[in-house]
């Protein structure tokens, strides 16, 4: 038998949300806007499955380089390579 290696494998702690009263996902996360050259943190919200990046990018900081539909195109360095990801705004947070 072969072990399943899906996109959410080895993410038991990373992709679970903490249940706290009064802490639901606000609609403002879906409608937030970013400009080009903005720096954002990639924080995966497990309650939204669409537009999620790969779990290896959770917690990384990236730069917005464009838009594609409702999503944003971000670039970041993964080791020595530059990667471009298409991520929806629910999984992005503006860097302070």
PDB file of N, CA and C in Angstrom:
ATOM      1  N   UNK A   1       0.833  -1.182   0.000  1.00  0.00           N
ATOM      2  CA  UNK A   1       0.000   0.000   0.000  1.00  0.00           C
ATOM      3  C   UNK A   1       0.876   1.243   0.000  1.00  0.00           C
ATOM      4  N   UNK A   2       0.473   2.251  -0.776  1.00  0.00           N
ATOM      5  CA  UNK A   2       1.222   3.496  -0.803  1.00  0.00           C
ATOM      6  C   UNK A   2       0.529   4.539   0.040  1.00  0.00           C
ATOM      7  N   UNK A   3       1.324   5.329   0.713  1.00  0.00           N
ATOM      8  CA  UNK A   3       0.796   6.373   1.565  1.00  0.00           C
ATOM      9  C   UNK A   3       0.301   7.547   0.721  1.00  0.00           C
ATOM     10  N   UNK A   4      -0.801   8.140   1.145  1.00  0.00           N
ATOM     11  CA  UNK A   4      -1.332   9.303   0.435  1.00  0.00           C
ATOM     12  C   UNK A   4      -0.436  10.510   0.688  1.00  0.00           C
ATOM     13  N   UNK A   5      -0.139  11.246  -0.353  1.00  0.00           N
ATOM     14  CA  UNK A   5       0.705  12.448  -0.244  1.00  0.00           C
ATOM     15  C   UNK A   5      -0.031  13.630  -0.840  1.00  0.00           C
ATOM     16  N   UNK A   6      -1.192  13.944  -0.295  1.00  0.00           N
ATOM     17  CA  UNK A   6      -1.998  15.039  -0.812  1.00  0.00           C
ATOM     18  C   UNK A   6      -1.397  16.390  -0.470  1.00  0.00           C
ATOM     19  N   UNK A   7      -2.066  17.442  -0.936  1.00  0.00           N
ATOM     20  CA  UNK A   7      -1.535  18.794  -0.739  1.00  0.00           C
ATOM     21  C   UNK A   7      -1.589  19.231   0.718  1.00  0.00           C
ATOM     22  N   UNK A   8      -2.386  18.549   1.544  1.00  0.00           N
ATOM     23  CA  UNK A   8      -2.479  18.929   2.954  1.00  0.00           C
ATOM     24  C   UNK A   8      -1.829  17.903   3.872  1.00  0.00           C
ATOM     25  N   UNK A   9      -0.959  17.060   3.335  1.00  0.00           N
ATOM     26  CA  UNK A   9      -0.309  16.065   4.189  1.00  0.00           C
ATOM     27  C   UNK A   9       0.710  16.752   5.093  1.00  0.00           C
ATOM     28  N   UNK A  10       0.868  16.231   6.298  1.00  0.00           N
ATOM     29  CA  UNK A  10       1.776  16.757   7.327  1.00  0.00           C
ATOM     30  C   UNK A  10       1.411  18.173   7.763  1.00  0.00           C
ATOM     31  N   UNK A  11       0.136  18.519   7.756  1.00  0.00           N
ATOM     32  CA  UNK A  11      -0.272  19.874   8.134  1.00  0.00           C
ATOM     33  C   UNK A  11      -1.310  19.853   9.251  1.00  0.00           C
ATOM     34  N   UNK A  12      -1.268  18.862  10.129  1.00  0.00           N
ATOM     35  CA  UNK A  12      -2.296  18.746  11.163  1.00  0.00           C
ATOM     36  C   UNK A  12      -2.368  19.989  12.042  1.00  0.00           C
ATOM     37  N   UNK A  13      -1.234  20.548  12.449  1.00  0.00           N
ATOM     38  CA  UNK A  13      -1.253  21.725  13.314  1.00  0.00           C
ATOM     39  C   UNK A  13      -1.311  23.013  12.517  1.00  0.00           C
ATOM     40  N   UNK A  14      -0.664  23.041  11.383  1.00  0.00           N
ATOM     41  CA  UNK A  14      -0.584  24.262  10.588  1.00  0.00           C
ATOM     42  C   UNK A  14      -1.931  24.642   9.984  1.00  0.00           C
ATOM     43  N   UNK A  15      -2.727  23.659   9.587  1.00  0.00           N
ATOM     44  CA  UNK A  15      -3.968  23.924   8.870  1.00  0.00           C
ATOM     45  C   UNK A  15      -5.207  23.687   9.719  1.00  0.00           C
ATOM     46  N   UNK A  16      -5.119  23.886  11.017  1.00  0.00           N
ATOM     47  CA  UNK A  16      -6.299  23.809  11.863  1.00  0.00           C
ATOM     48  C   UNK A  16      -6.517  25.165  12.496  1.00  0.00           C
ATOM     49  N   UNK A  17      -7.773  25.578  12.558  1.00  0.00           N
ATOM     50  CA  UNK A  17      -8.077  26.870  13.153  1.00  0.00           C
ATOM     51  C   UNK A  17      -8.489  26.662  14.603  1.00  0.00           C
ATOM     52  N   UNK A  18      -8.204  27.634  15.432  1.00  0.00           N
ATOM     53  CA  UNK A  18      -8.528  27.566  16.850  1.00  0.00           C
ATOM     54  C   UNK A  18      -9.950  28.053  17.041  1.00  0.00           C
ATOM     55  N   UNK A  19     -10.778  27.249  17.709  1.00  0.00           N
ATOM     56  CA  UNK A  19     -12.156  27.643  17.975  1.00  0.00           C
ATOM     57  C   UNK A  19     -12.194  28.531  19.208  1.00  0.00           C
ATOM     58  N   UNK A  20     -12.528  29.799  18.974  1.00  0.00           N
ATOM     59  CA  UNK A  20     -12.692  30.728  20.085  1.00  0.00           C
ATOM     60  C   UNK A  20     -14.007  31.467  19.880  1.00  0.00           C
ATOM     61  N   UNK A  21     -14.769  31.673  20.915  1.00  0.00           N
ATOM     62  CA  UNK A  21     -16.044  32.375  20.732  1.00  0.00           C
ATOM     63  C   UNK A  21     -15.815  33.811  20.279  1.00  0.00           C
ATOM     64  N   UNK A  22     -16.597  34.216  19.292  1.00  0.00           N
ATOM     65  CA  UNK A  22     -16.500  35.588  18.795  1.00  0.00           C
ATOM     66  C   UNK A  22     -15.347  35.809  17.844  1.00  0.00           C
ATOM     67  N   UNK A  23     -14.654  34.764  17.416  1.00  0.00           N
ATOM     68  CA  UNK A  23     -13.498  34.915  16.527  1.00  0.00           C
ATOM     69  C   UNK A  23     -13.792  34.265  15.174  1.00  0.00           C
ATOM     70  N   UNK A  24     -14.820  34.721  14.488  1.00  0.00           N
ATOM     71  CA  UNK A  24     -15.147  34.147  13.195  1.00  0.00           C
ATOM     72  C   UNK A  24     -14.430  34.928  12.105  1.00  0.00           C
ATOM     73  N   UNK A  25     -14.413  34.379  10.922  1.00  0.00           N
ATOM     74  CA  UNK A  25     -13.742  35.044   9.810  1.00  0.00           C
ATOM     75  C   UNK A  25     -14.556  36.240   9.341  1.00  0.00           C
ATOM     76  N   UNK A  26     -14.010  37.443   9.481  1.00  0.00           N
ATOM     77  CA  UNK A  26     -14.750  38.612   9.026  1.00  0.00           C
ATOM     78  C   UNK A  26     -14.699  38.716   7.500  1.00  0.00           C
ATOM     79  N   UNK A  27     -15.716  39.340   6.942  1.00  0.00           N
ATOM     80  CA  UNK A  27     -15.790  39.520   5.497  1.00  0.00           C
ATOM     81  C   UNK A  27     -14.685  40.462   5.011  1.00  0.00           C
ATOM     82  N   UNK A  28     -14.124  41.253   5.922  1.00  0.00           N
ATOM     83  CA  UNK A  28     -13.094  42.209   5.517  1.00  0.00           C
ATOM     84  C   UNK A  28     -11.832  41.512   5.019  1.00  0.00           C
ATOM     85  N   UNK A  29     -11.607  40.263   5.407  1.00  0.00           N
ATOM     86  CA  UNK A  29     -10.441  39.543   4.898  1.00  0.00           C
ATOM     87  C   UNK A  29     -10.585  39.229   3.420  1.00  0.00           C
ATOM     88  N   UNK A  30     -11.829  38.992   2.981  1.00  0.00           N
ATOM     89  CA  UNK A  30     -12.066  38.667   1.577  1.00  0.00           C
ATOM     90  C   UNK A  30     -11.990  39.888   0.680  1.00  0.00           C
ATOM     91  N   UNK A  31     -12.334  41.057   1.200  1.00  0.00           N
ATOM     92  CA  UNK A  31     -12.414  42.243   0.346  1.00  0.00           C
ATOM     93  C   UNK A  31     -11.243  43.193   0.536  1.00  0.00           C
ATOM     94  N   UNK A  32     -10.215  42.790   1.270  1.00  0.00           N
ATOM     95  CA  UNK A  32      -9.072  43.686   1.454  1.00  0.00           C
ATOM     96  C   UNK A  32      -8.329  43.866   0.131  1.00  0.00           C
ATOM     97  N   UNK A  33      -7.790  45.052  -0.065  1.00  0.00           N
ATOM     98  CA  UNK A  33      -7.099  45.415  -1.303  1.00  0.00           C
ATOM     99  C   UNK A  33      -5.626  45.645  -1.018  1.00  0.00           C
ATOM    100  N   UNK A  34      -4.802  45.265  -1.974  1.00  0.00           N
ATOM    101  CA  UNK A  34      -3.359  45.482  -1.898  1.00  0.00           C
ATOM    102  C   UNK A  34      -2.903  46.184  -3.164  1.00  0.00           C
ATOM    103  N   UNK A  35      -1.837  46.938  -3.055  1.00  0.00           N
ATOM    104  CA  UNK A  35      -1.240  47.610  -4.204  1.00  0.00           C
ATOM    105  C   UNK A  35       0.010  46.869  -4.636  1.00  0.00           C
ATOM    106  N   UNK A  36       0.480  47.166  -5.849  1.00  0.00           N
ATOM    107  CA  UNK A  36       1.734  46.570  -6.295  1.00  0.00           C
ATOM    108  C   UNK A  36       2.865  47.043  -5.406  1.00  0.00           C
ATOM    109  N   UNK A  37       3.849  46.180  -5.234  1.00  0.00           N
ATOM    110  CA  UNK A  37       5.035  46.429  -4.411  1.00  0.00           C
ATOM    111  C   UNK A  37       4.740  46.384  -2.909  1.00  0.00           C
ATOM    112  N   UNK A  38       3.511  46.054  -2.492  1.00  0.00           N
ATOM    113  CA  UNK A  38       3.218  45.891  -1.068  1.00  0.00           C
ATOM    114  C   UNK A  38       3.842  44.589  -0.570  1.00  0.00           C
ATOM    115  N   UNK A  39       4.331  44.613   0.668  1.00  0.00           N
ATOM    116  CA  UNK A  39       4.840  43.397   1.294  1.00  0.00           C
ATOM    117  C   UNK A  39       3.725  42.788   2.136  1.00  0.00           C
ATOM    118  N   UNK A  40       3.499  41.488   1.951  1.00  0.00           N
ATOM    119  CA  UNK A  40       2.426  40.803   2.665  1.00  0.00           C
ATOM    120  C   UNK A  40       2.965  39.517   3.283  1.00  0.00           C
ATOM    121  N   UNK A  41       2.325  39.091   4.367  1.00  0.00           N
ATOM    122  CA  UNK A  41       2.629  37.810   4.989  1.00  0.00           C
ATOM    123  C   UNK A  41       1.627  36.791   4.460  1.00  0.00           C
ATOM    124  N   UNK A  42       2.104  35.601   4.166  1.00  0.00           N
ATOM    125  CA  UNK A  42       1.235  34.518   3.719  1.00  0.00           C
ATOM    126  C   UNK A  42       0.834  33.713   4.956  1.00  0.00           C
ATOM    127  N   UNK A  43      -0.421  33.885   5.372  1.00  0.00           N
ATOM    128  CA  UNK A  43      -0.964  33.175   6.522  1.00  0.00           C
ATOM    129  C   UNK A  43      -2.176  32.400   6.011  1.00  0.00           C
ATOM    130  N   UNK A  44      -2.051  31.087   5.899  1.00  0.00           N
ATOM    131  CA  UNK A  44      -3.120  30.277   5.325  1.00  0.00           C
ATOM    132  C   UNK A  44      -4.285  30.195   6.296  1.00  0.00           C
ATOM    133  N   UNK A  45      -5.480  30.529   5.785  1.00  0.00           N
ATOM    134  CA  UNK A  45      -6.706  30.398   6.569  1.00  0.00           C
ATOM    135  C   UNK A  45      -7.389  29.104   6.138  1.00  0.00           C
ATOM    136  N   UNK A  46      -7.427  28.079   7.005  1.00  0.00           N
ATOM    137  CA  UNK A  46      -7.954  26.778   6.585  1.00  0.00           C
ATOM    138  C   UNK A  46      -9.456  26.769   6.330  1.00  0.00           C
ATOM    139  N   UNK A  47     -10.190  27.810   6.732  1.00  0.00           N
ATOM    140  CA  UNK A  47     -11.622  27.818   6.481  1.00  0.00           C
ATOM    141  C   UNK A  47     -11.954  28.207   5.052  1.00  0.00           C
ATOM    142  N   UNK A  48     -10.978  28.712   4.287  1.00  0.00           N
ATOM    143  CA  UNK A  48     -11.157  29.012   2.871  1.00  0.00           C
ATOM    144  C   UNK A  48     -10.227  28.091   2.087  1.00  0.00           C
ATOM    145  N   UNK A  49     -10.803  27.168   1.308  1.00  0.00           N
ATOM    146  CA  UNK A  49      -9.954  26.241   0.574  1.00  0.00           C
ATOM    147  C   UNK A  49      -9.505  26.808  -0.772  1.00  0.00           C
ATOM    148  N   UNK A  50     -10.289  27.699  -1.359  1.00  0.00           N
ATOM    149  CA  UNK A  50      -9.919  28.240  -2.667  1.00  0.00           C
ATOM    150  C   UNK A  50      -8.767  29.224  -2.528  1.00  0.00           C
ATOM    151  N   UNK A  51      -7.862  29.159  -3.455  1.00  0.00           N
ATOM    152  CA  UNK A  51      -6.777  30.129  -3.496  1.00  0.00           C
ATOM    153  C   UNK A  51      -5.716  29.936  -2.437  1.00  0.00           C
ATOM    154  N   UNK A  52      -5.659  28.738  -1.841  1.00  0.00           N
ATOM    155  CA  UNK A  52      -4.633  28.490  -0.823  1.00  0.00           C
ATOM    156  C   UNK A  52      -3.299  28.197  -1.485  1.00  0.00           C
ATOM    157  N   UNK A  53      -2.216  28.757  -0.959  1.00  0.00           N
ATOM    158  CA  UNK A  53      -0.895  28.347  -1.448  1.00  0.00           C
ATOM    159  C   UNK A  53      -0.491  27.018  -0.825  1.00  0.00           C
ATOM    160  N   UNK A  54       0.611  26.477  -1.278  1.00  0.00           N
ATOM    161  CA  UNK A  54       1.130  25.239  -0.696  1.00  0.00           C
ATOM    162  C   UNK A  54       1.529  25.518   0.752  1.00  0.00           C
ATOM    163  N   UNK A  55       1.327  24.566   1.662  1.00  0.00           N
ATOM    164  CA  UNK A  55       1.647  24.805   3.071  1.00  0.00           C
ATOM    165  C   UNK A  55       3.106  25.171   3.341  1.00  0.00           C
ATOM    166  N   UNK A  56       4.018  24.862   2.428  1.00  0.00           N
ATOM    167  CA  UNK A  56       5.421  25.220   2.663  1.00  0.00           C
ATOM    168  C   UNK A  56       5.615  26.735   2.694  1.00  0.00           C
ATOM    169  N   UNK A  57       4.675  27.503   2.111  1.00  0.00           N
ATOM    170  CA  UNK A  57       4.808  28.952   2.068  1.00  0.00           C
ATOM    171  C   UNK A  57       4.123  29.654   3.233  1.00  0.00           C
ATOM    172  N   UNK A  58       3.502  28.901   4.145  1.00  0.00           N
ATOM    173  CA  UNK A  58       2.826  29.489   5.304  1.00  0.00           C
ATOM    174  C   UNK A  58       3.842  30.211   6.190  1.00  0.00           C
ATOM    175  N   UNK A  59       3.583  31.474   6.499  1.00  0.00           N
ATOM    176  CA  UNK A  59       4.465  32.255   7.356  1.00  0.00           C
ATOM    177  C   UNK A  59       5.529  33.031   6.613  1.00  0.00           C
ATOM    178  N   UNK A  60       5.597  32.908   5.297  1.00  0.00           N
ATOM    179  CA  UNK A  60       6.610  33.625   4.517  1.00  0.00           C
ATOM    180  C   UNK A  60       6.116  35.017   4.179  1.00  0.00           C
ATOM    181  N   UNK A  61       7.054  35.900   3.843  1.00  0.00           N
ATOM    182  CA  UNK A  61       6.732  37.251   3.413  1.00  0.00           C
ATOM    183  C   UNK A  61       6.997  37.356   1.922  1.00  0.00           C
ATOM    184  N   UNK A  62       6.067  37.990   1.203  1.00  0.00           N
ATOM    185  CA  UNK A  62       6.166  38.079  -0.251  1.00  0.00           C
ATOM    186  C   UNK A  62       5.807  39.494  -0.698  1.00  0.00           C
ATOM    187  N   UNK A  63       6.071  39.765  -1.976  1.00  0.00           N
ATOM    188  CA  UNK A  63       5.774  41.078  -2.556  1.00  0.00           C
ATOM    189  C   UNK A  63       4.713  40.912  -3.634  1.00  0.00           C
ATOM    190  N   UNK A  64       3.705  41.804  -3.615  1.00  0.00           N
ATOM    191  CA  UNK A  64       2.641  41.774  -4.614  1.00  0.00           C
ATOM    192  C   UNK A  64       3.198  42.312  -5.934  1.00  0.00           C
ATOM    193  N   UNK A  65       2.981  41.550  -7.020  1.00  0.00           N
ATOM    194  CA  UNK A  65       3.447  42.046  -8.325  1.00  0.00           C
ATOM    195  C   UNK A  65       2.313  42.188  -9.322  1.00  0.00           C
ATOM    196  N   UNK A  66       1.101  41.766  -8.972  1.00  0.00           N
ATOM    197  CA  UNK A  66      -0.014  41.907  -9.902  1.00  0.00           C
ATOM    198  C   UNK A  66      -1.278  41.276  -9.366  1.00  0.00           C
ATOM    199  N   UNK A  67      -2.343  41.371 -10.189  1.00  0.00           N
ATOM    200  CA  UNK A  67      -3.627  40.785  -9.843  1.00  0.00           C
ATOM    201  C   UNK A  67      -4.039  39.814 -10.936  1.00  0.00           C
ATOM    202  N   UNK A  68      -4.796  38.810 -10.548  1.00  0.00           N
ATOM    203  CA  UNK A  68      -5.375  37.884 -11.514  1.00  0.00           C
ATOM    204  C   UNK A  68      -6.745  37.503 -11.004  1.00  0.00           C
ATOM    205  N   UNK A  69      -7.771  38.114 -11.575  1.00  0.00           N
ATOM    206  CA  UNK A  69      -9.136  37.900 -11.091  1.00  0.00           C
ATOM    207  C   UNK A  69      -9.267  38.446  -9.680  1.00  0.00           C
ATOM    208  N   UNK A  70      -9.743  37.602  -8.768  1.00  0.00           N
ATOM    209  CA  UNK A  70      -9.860  38.018  -7.366  1.00  0.00           C
ATOM    210  C   UNK A  70      -8.567  37.808  -6.601  1.00  0.00           C
ATOM    211  N   UNK A  71      -7.625  37.119  -7.193  1.00  0.00           N
ATOM    212  CA  UNK A  71      -6.396  36.749  -6.496  1.00  0.00           C
ATOM    213  C   UNK A  71      -5.266  37.721  -6.817  1.00  0.00           C
ATOM    214  N   UNK A  72      -4.183  37.578  -6.064  1.00  0.00           N
ATOM    215  CA  UNK A  72      -2.987  38.397  -6.272  1.00  0.00           C
ATOM    216  C   UNK A  72      -1.822  37.499  -6.644  1.00  0.00           C
ATOM    217  N   UNK A  73      -0.954  38.028  -7.482  1.00  0.00           N
ATOM    218  CA  UNK A  73       0.271  37.321  -7.846  1.00  0.00           C
ATOM    219  C   UNK A  73       1.366  37.874  -6.951  1.00  0.00           C
ATOM    220  N   UNK A  74       2.005  37.002  -6.201  1.00  0.00           N
ATOM    221  CA  UNK A  74       3.070  37.417  -5.285  1.00  0.00           C
ATOM    222  C   UNK A  74       4.354  36.701  -5.676  1.00  0.00           C
ATOM    223  N   UNK A  75       5.465  37.319  -5.345  1.00  0.00           N
ATOM    224  CA  UNK A  75       6.762  36.711  -5.615  1.00  0.00           C
ATOM    225  C   UNK A  75       7.545  36.627  -4.315  1.00  0.00           C
ATOM    226  N   UNK A  76       8.304  35.530  -4.170  1.00  0.00           N
ATOM    227  CA  UNK A  76       9.147  35.351  -3.002  1.00  0.00           C
ATOM    228  C   UNK A  76      10.286  34.429  -3.376  1.00  0.00           C
ATOM    229  N   UNK A  77      11.321  34.442  -2.574  1.00  0.00           N
ATOM    230  CA  UNK A  77      12.451  33.553  -2.798  1.00  0.00           C
ATOM    231  C   UNK A  77      12.269  32.297  -1.965  1.00  0.00           C
ATOM    232  N   UNK A  78      12.361  31.153  -2.628  1.00  0.00           N
ATOM    233  CA  UNK A  78      12.281  29.860  -1.969  1.00  0.00           C
ATOM    234  C   UNK A  78      13.645  29.211  -2.154  1.00  0.00           C
ATOM    235  N   UNK A  79      14.495  29.389  -1.163  1.00  0.00           N
ATOM    236  CA  UNK A  79      15.883  28.965  -1.335  1.00  0.00           C
ATOM    237  C   UNK A  79      16.578  29.935  -2.262  1.00  0.00           C
ATOM    238  N   UNK A  80      17.118  29.444  -3.368  1.00  0.00           N
ATOM    239  CA  UNK A  80      17.787  30.311  -4.332  1.00  0.00           C
ATOM    240  C   UNK A  80      16.895  30.697  -5.497  1.00  0.00           C
ATOM    241  N   UNK A  81      15.695  30.138  -5.568  1.00  0.00           N
ATOM    242  CA  UNK A  81      14.820  30.398  -6.706  1.00  0.00           C
ATOM    243  C   UNK A  81      13.737  31.397  -6.349  1.00  0.00           C
ATOM    244  N   UNK A  82      13.379  32.216  -7.314  1.00  0.00           N
ATOM    245  CA  UNK A  82      12.264  33.136  -7.159  1.00  0.00           C
ATOM    246  C   UNK A  82      10.997  32.438  -7.622  1.00  0.00           C
ATOM    247  N   UNK A  83       9.961  32.454  -6.793  1.00  0.00           N
ATOM    248  CA  UNK A  83       8.705  31.778  -7.125  1.00  0.00           C
ATOM    249  C   UNK A  83       7.590  32.808  -7.223  1.00  0.00           C
ATOM    250  N   UNK A  84       6.655  32.559  -8.126  1.00  0.00           N
ATOM    251  CA  UNK A  84       5.459  33.375  -8.239  1.00  0.00           C
ATOM    252  C   UNK A  84       4.265  32.516  -7.842  1.00  0.00           C
ATOM    253  N   UNK A  85       3.452  33.026  -6.938  1.00  0.00           N
ATOM    254  CA  UNK A  85       2.287  32.298  -6.441  1.00  0.00           C
ATOM    255  C   UNK A  85       1.039  33.115  -6.713  1.00  0.00           C
ATOM    256  N   UNK A  86      -0.064  32.442  -6.937  1.00  0.00           N
ATOM    257  CA  UNK A  86      -1.361  33.101  -7.104  1.00  0.00           C
ATOM    258  C   UNK A  86      -2.176  32.767  -5.868  1.00  0.00           C
ATOM    259  N   UNK A  87      -2.470  33.804  -5.069  1.00  0.00           N
ATOM    260  CA  UNK A  87      -3.086  33.590  -3.755  1.00  0.00           C
ATOM    261  C   UNK A  87      -4.268  34.545  -3.598  1.00  0.00           C
ATOM    262  N   UNK A  88      -5.338  34.050  -3.047  1.00  0.00           N
ATOM    263  CA  UNK A  88      -6.478  34.912  -2.758  1.00  0.00           C
ATOM    264  C   UNK A  88      -6.219  35.739  -1.497  1.00  0.00           C
ATOM    265  N   UNK A  89      -6.900  36.892  -1.364  1.00  0.00           N
ATOM    266  CA  UNK A  89      -6.603  37.808  -0.247  1.00  0.00           C
ATOM    267  C   UNK A  89      -6.929  37.263   1.134  1.00  0.00           C
ATOM    268  N   UNK A  90      -7.742  36.206   1.235  1.00  0.00           N
ATOM    269  CA  UNK A  90      -8.054  35.643   2.553  1.00  0.00           C
ATOM    270  C   UNK A  90      -6.809  35.087   3.226  1.00  0.00           C
ATOM    271  N   UNK A  91      -5.802  34.734   2.436  1.00  0.00           N
ATOM    272  CA  UNK A  91      -4.593  34.098   2.952  1.00  0.00           C
ATOM    273  C   UNK A  91      -3.429  35.079   3.030  1.00  0.00           C
ATOM    274  N   UNK A  92      -3.709  36.368   2.856  1.00  0.00           N
ATOM    275  CA  UNK A  92      -2.654  37.383   2.895  1.00  0.00           C
ATOM    276  C   UNK A  92      -2.924  38.368   4.020  1.00  0.00           C
ATOM    277  N   UNK A  93      -1.858  38.894   4.587  1.00  0.00           N
ATOM    278  CA  UNK A  93      -1.970  39.874   5.663  1.00  0.00           C
ATOM    279  C   UNK A  93      -0.916  40.943   5.425  1.00  0.00           C
ATOM    280  N   UNK A  94      -1.307  42.214   5.494  1.00  0.00           N
ATOM    281  CA  UNK A  94      -0.380  43.308   5.244  1.00  0.00           C
ATOM    282  C   UNK A  94       0.704  43.338   6.301  1.00  0.00           C
ATOM    283  N   UNK A  95       1.939  43.548   5.849  1.00  0.00           N
ATOM    284  CA  UNK A  95       3.059  43.647   6.801  1.00  0.00           C
ATOM    285  C   UNK A  95       3.009  45.018   7.459  1.00  0.00           C
ATOM    286  N   UNK A  96       3.141  45.029   8.779  1.00  0.00           N
ATOM    287  CA  UNK A  96       3.107  46.302   9.493  1.00  0.00           C
ATOM    288  C   UNK A  96       4.425  47.022   9.390  1.00  0.00           C
TER     289      UNK A  96
END
